[in-house]
Protein backbone atom coordinates (compact mmCIF):
# COMPACT_ATOMS: atom_id res chain seq x y z
CA MET A 1 -4.98 -12.94 -9.40
CA HIS A 2 -7.36 -10.71 -6.81
CA ASP A 3 -5.22 -8.45 -6.70
CA ILE A 4 -4.75 -7.89 -10.37
CA ALA A 5 -8.26 -7.46 -11.01
CA ASP A 6 -8.83 -4.98 -8.32
CA LEU A 7 -6.20 -2.61 -9.96
CA GLU A 8 -7.70 -3.22 -13.07
CA ALA A 9 -11.34 -2.52 -11.94
CA ARG A 10 -9.36 0.82 -10.75
CA GLY A 11 -7.77 1.50 -14.29
CA VAL A 12 -3.88 0.60 -12.96
CA PRO A 13 -3.22 -1.92 -15.80
CA GLY A 14 -1.51 -5.11 -14.17
CA VAL A 15 0.31 -8.34 -15.25
CA PHE A 16 -0.09 -11.93 -13.37
CA LEU A 17 3.10 -13.19 -13.32
CA ALA A 18 3.52 -16.93 -12.02
CA SER A 19 5.90 -19.73 -12.56
CA THR A 20 4.40 -22.60 -15.43
CA GLU A 21 3.52 -24.61 -12.08
CA PHE A 22 0.52 -22.85 -11.73
CA ILE A 23 -1.06 -22.39 -15.28
CA ASP A 24 -3.63 -24.52 -14.81
CA ALA A 25 -4.61 -22.80 -11.15
CA ALA A 26 -4.33 -19.42 -12.56
CA GLN A 27 -6.96 -20.41 -15.44
CA ALA A 28 -9.53 -21.97 -12.70
CA GLN A 29 -9.09 -19.03 -10.88
CA ALA A 30 -9.69 -16.46 -13.15
CA GLU A 31 -12.55 -18.29 -14.58
CA ALA A 32 -14.13 -18.77 -10.81
CA ILE A 33 -13.84 -14.65 -10.45
CA GLY A 34 -14.55 -13.85 -14.12
CA PHE A 35 -11.67 -12.00 -14.89
CA GLN A 36 -9.07 -12.94 -17.64
CA PRO A 37 -5.63 -10.70 -16.90
CA ALA A 38 -2.40 -10.43 -18.51
CA ARG A 39 -0.57 -13.49 -17.60
CA VAL A 40 2.97 -13.95 -17.82
CA PHE A 41 4.80 -17.36 -16.55
CA VAL A 42 8.43 -17.80 -15.68
CA PRO A 43 10.11 -21.12 -15.69
CA HIS A 44 9.16 -23.89 -12.35
CA PRO A 45 10.63 -24.05 -9.99
CA ILE A 46 11.50 -20.44 -8.25
CA GLN A 47 12.46 -21.66 -4.83
CA ASP A 48 15.94 -22.01 -4.01
CA ARG A 49 17.24 -20.18 -7.37
CA THR A 50 20.30 -18.12 -6.96
CA ASP A 51 20.12 -14.48 -6.91
CA ASP A 52 21.64 -14.62 -10.87
CA GLU A 53 19.20 -17.28 -11.91
CA MET A 54 15.97 -14.97 -10.76
CA ARG A 55 18.18 -12.07 -12.60
CA SER A 56 18.05 -14.48 -15.65
CA LEU A 57 14.61 -15.35 -15.77
CA ALA A 58 13.42 -11.62 -15.24
CA ASP A 59 15.67 -10.49 -17.93
CA ALA A 60 13.82 -13.51 -20.00
CA ALA A 61 10.46 -12.22 -19.05
CA ILE A 62 10.80 -8.51 -19.26
CA ASP A 63 9.67 -7.84 -22.32
CA ALA A 64 6.72 -10.28 -21.95
CA VAL A 65 5.97 -8.44 -19.18
CA LEU A 66 6.29 -5.13 -20.87
CA ALA A 67 4.26 -6.27 -23.94
CA ALA A 68 1.37 -7.67 -21.78
CA ILE A 69 1.35 -4.44 -19.49
CA THR A 70 0.79 -1.78 -22.59
CA ALA A 71 -1.29 -3.98 -25.01
CA PRO A 72 -4.80 -2.29 -25.25
CA PRO A 73 -7.73 -4.01 -23.48
CA GLY A 74 -9.19 -6.91 -25.03
């Protein structure tokens, strides 16, 4: 979260990407640092997934990531 905030402060758009297990934690941290980044969550768990499963998760998330990173600030 801090990395995305730093990039955004430098004018570099970013998207916070995590698994659904971290939705509440991401919101809590965003509130704590006063920054609400674009976020995309993928199904949990990530650990122990095969390469093919990870590619499938990435394929399923790419449109949301691209939409989030190209959306106008606001």
